[in-house]
PDB file of N, CA and C in Angstrom:
ATOM      1  N   UNK A   1      -9.307 215.001 -54.939  1.00  0.00           N
ATOM      2  CA  UNK A   1     -10.580 215.654 -55.247  1.00  0.00           C
ATOM      3  C   UNK A   1     -10.423 216.514 -56.503  1.00  0.00           C
ATOM      4  N   UNK A   2     -11.271 216.276 -57.447  1.00  0.00           N
ATOM      5  CA  UNK A   2     -11.231 217.060 -58.677  1.00  0.00           C
ATOM      6  C   UNK A   2     -12.343 218.097 -58.656  1.00  0.00           C
ATOM      7  N   UNK A   3     -11.985 219.361 -58.804  1.00  0.00           N
ATOM      8  CA  UNK A   3     -12.987 220.422 -58.783  1.00  0.00           C
ATOM      9  C   UNK A   3     -13.057 221.085 -60.152  1.00  0.00           C
ATOM     10  N   UNK A   4     -14.209 220.957 -60.791  1.00  0.00           N
ATOM     11  CA  UNK A   4     -14.365 221.567 -62.113  1.00  0.00           C
ATOM     12  C   UNK A   4     -15.531 222.534 -62.115  1.00  0.00           C
ATOM     13  N   UNK A   5     -15.270 223.799 -62.333  1.00  0.00           N
ATOM     14  CA  UNK A   5     -16.328 224.806 -62.376  1.00  0.00           C
ATOM     15  C   UNK A   5     -17.008 224.866 -63.741  1.00  0.00           C
ATOM     16  N   UNK A   6     -18.309 224.898 -63.743  1.00  0.00           N
ATOM     17  CA  UNK A   6     -19.049 225.030 -64.995  1.00  0.00           C
ATOM     18  C   UNK A   6     -19.853 226.315 -64.907  1.00  0.00           C
ATOM     19  N   UNK A   7     -20.202 226.864 -66.031  1.00  0.00           N
ATOM     20  CA  UNK A   7     -20.924 228.140 -65.987  1.00  0.00           C
ATOM     21  C   UNK A   7     -22.038 228.200 -67.025  1.00  0.00           C
ATOM     22  N   UNK A   8     -23.006 229.018 -66.698  1.00  0.00           N
ATOM     23  CA  UNK A   8     -24.129 229.326 -67.600  1.00  0.00           C
ATOM     24  C   UNK A   8     -25.084 228.151 -67.840  1.00  0.00           C
ATOM     25  N   UNK A   9     -26.305 228.274 -67.374  1.00  0.00           N
ATOM     26  CA  UNK A   9     -27.336 227.262 -67.639  1.00  0.00           C
ATOM     27  C   UNK A   9     -28.684 227.972 -67.606  1.00  0.00           C
ATOM     28  N   UNK A  10     -29.488 227.732 -68.630  1.00  0.00           N
ATOM     29  CA  UNK A  10     -30.795 228.385 -68.717  1.00  0.00           C
ATOM     30  C   UNK A  10     -30.657 229.905 -68.657  1.00  0.00           C
ATOM     31  N   UNK A  11     -29.624 230.416 -69.321  1.00  0.00           N
ATOM     32  CA  UNK A  11     -29.372 231.859 -69.351  1.00  0.00           C
ATOM     33  C   UNK A  11     -29.090 232.437 -67.972  1.00  0.00           C
ATOM     34  N   UNK A  12     -28.706 231.563 -67.042  1.00  0.00           N
ATOM     35  CA  UNK A  12     -28.366 232.029 -65.699  1.00  0.00           C
ATOM     36  C   UNK A  12     -26.974 231.535 -65.339  1.00  0.00           C
ATOM     37  N   UNK A  13     -26.216 232.380 -64.638  1.00  0.00           N
ATOM     38  CA  UNK A  13     -24.872 231.961 -64.249  1.00  0.00           C
ATOM     39  C   UNK A  13     -24.936 231.220 -62.926  1.00  0.00           C
ATOM     40  N   UNK A  14     -24.562 229.948 -63.002  1.00  0.00           N
ATOM     41  CA  UNK A  14     -24.572 229.139 -61.781  1.00  0.00           C
ATOM     42  C   UNK A  14     -23.227 228.444 -61.654  1.00  0.00           C
ATOM     43  N   UNK A  15     -22.728 228.373 -60.446  1.00  0.00           N
ATOM     44  CA  UNK A  15     -21.434 227.742 -60.224  1.00  0.00           C
ATOM     45  C   UNK A  15     -21.621 226.279 -59.833  1.00  0.00           C
ATOM     46  N   UNK A  16     -21.095 225.395 -60.694  1.00  0.00           N
ATOM     47  CA  UNK A  16     -21.210 223.972 -60.421  1.00  0.00           C
ATOM     48  C   UNK A  16     -19.862 223.425 -59.980  1.00  0.00           C
ATOM     49  N   UNK A  17     -19.807 222.857 -58.808  1.00  0.00           N
ATOM     50  CA  UNK A  17     -18.577 222.245 -58.321  1.00  0.00           C
ATOM     51  C   UNK A  17     -18.801 220.740 -58.205  1.00  0.00           C
ATOM     52  N   UNK A  18     -18.005 220.010 -58.972  1.00  0.00           N
ATOM     53  CA  UNK A  18     -18.139 218.568 -58.953  1.00  0.00           C
ATOM     54  C   UNK A  18     -16.952 217.935 -58.253  1.00  0.00           C
ATOM     55  N   UNK A  19     -17.207 216.939 -57.428  1.00  0.00           N
ATOM     56  CA  UNK A  19     -16.126 216.227 -56.770  1.00  0.00           C
ATOM     57  C   UNK A  19     -16.161 214.778 -57.239  1.00  0.00           C
ATOM     58  N   UNK A  20     -14.974 214.184 -57.350  1.00  0.00           N
ATOM     59  CA  UNK A  20     -14.892 212.811 -57.817  1.00  0.00           C
ATOM     60  C   UNK A  20     -15.203 211.860 -56.670  1.00  0.00           C
ATOM     61  N   UNK A  21     -16.009 210.857 -56.984  1.00  0.00           N
ATOM     62  CA  UNK A  21     -16.341 209.849 -55.985  1.00  0.00           C
ATOM     63  C   UNK A  21     -15.841 208.500 -56.468  1.00  0.00           C
ATOM     64  N   UNK A  22     -15.956 207.483 -55.656  1.00  0.00           N
ATOM     65  CA  UNK A  22     -15.480 206.158 -56.032  1.00  0.00           C
ATOM     66  C   UNK A  22     -16.180 205.698 -57.295  1.00  0.00           C
ATOM     67  N   UNK A  23     -15.416 205.128 -58.219  1.00  0.00           N
ATOM     68  CA  UNK A  23     -15.996 204.671 -59.472  1.00  0.00           C
ATOM     69  C   UNK A  23     -15.769 205.707 -60.555  1.00  0.00           C
ATOM     70  N   UNK A  24     -15.153 206.824 -60.188  1.00  0.00           N
ATOM     71  CA  UNK A  24     -14.853 207.851 -61.179  1.00  0.00           C
ATOM     72  C   UNK A  24     -16.086 208.652 -61.553  1.00  0.00           C
ATOM     73  N   UNK A  25     -17.058 208.691 -60.646  1.00  0.00           N
ATOM     74  CA  UNK A  25     -18.276 209.458 -60.937  1.00  0.00           C
ATOM     75  C   UNK A  25     -18.116 210.903 -60.483  1.00  0.00           C
ATOM     76  N   UNK A  26     -18.916 211.772 -61.052  1.00  0.00           N
ATOM     77  CA  UNK A  26     -18.897 213.174 -60.640  1.00  0.00           C
ATOM     78  C   UNK A  26     -20.310 213.567 -60.239  1.00  0.00           C
ATOM     79  N   UNK A  27     -20.445 214.101 -59.039  1.00  0.00           N
ATOM     80  CA  UNK A  27     -21.762 214.514 -58.578  1.00  0.00           C
ATOM     81  C   UNK A  27     -21.729 215.979 -58.182  1.00  0.00           C
ATOM     82  N   UNK A  28     -22.864 216.614 -58.303  1.00  0.00           N
ATOM     83  CA  UNK A  28     -22.939 218.034 -57.979  1.00  0.00           C
ATOM     84  C   UNK A  28     -22.737 218.227 -56.482  1.00  0.00           C
ATOM     85  N   UNK A  29     -21.648 218.898 -56.140  1.00  0.00           N
ATOM     86  CA  UNK A  29     -21.327 219.071 -54.727  1.00  0.00           C
ATOM     87  C   UNK A  29     -21.927 220.372 -54.222  1.00  0.00           C
ATOM     88  N   UNK A  30     -21.656 221.456 -54.948  1.00  0.00           N
ATOM     89  CA  UNK A  30     -22.218 222.750 -54.566  1.00  0.00           C
ATOM     90  C   UNK A  30     -22.756 223.440 -55.807  1.00  0.00           C
ATOM     91  N   UNK A  31     -24.035 223.732 -55.801  1.00  0.00           N
ATOM     92  CA  UNK A  31     -24.636 224.410 -56.946  1.00  0.00           C
ATOM     93  C   UNK A  31     -25.273 225.705 -56.476  1.00  0.00           C
ATOM     94  N   UNK A  32     -24.465 226.745 -56.346  1.00  0.00           N
ATOM     95  CA  UNK A  32     -24.997 228.036 -55.926  1.00  0.00           C
ATOM     96  C   UNK A  32     -24.047 229.131 -56.377  1.00  0.00           C
ATOM     97  N   UNK A  33     -24.534 230.331 -56.472  1.00  0.00           N
ATOM     98  CA  UNK A  33     -23.696 231.444 -56.889  1.00  0.00           C
ATOM     99  C   UNK A  33     -23.859 232.599 -55.908  1.00  0.00           C
TER     100      UNK A  33
END
């Protein structure tokens, strides 16, 4: 499982956690702060 945190969107700090799925795709797993 690959977890990559991203920050700042629309002048708001939001925590984006992406997990790797089959096919090497990344989908938003948890989007909350």
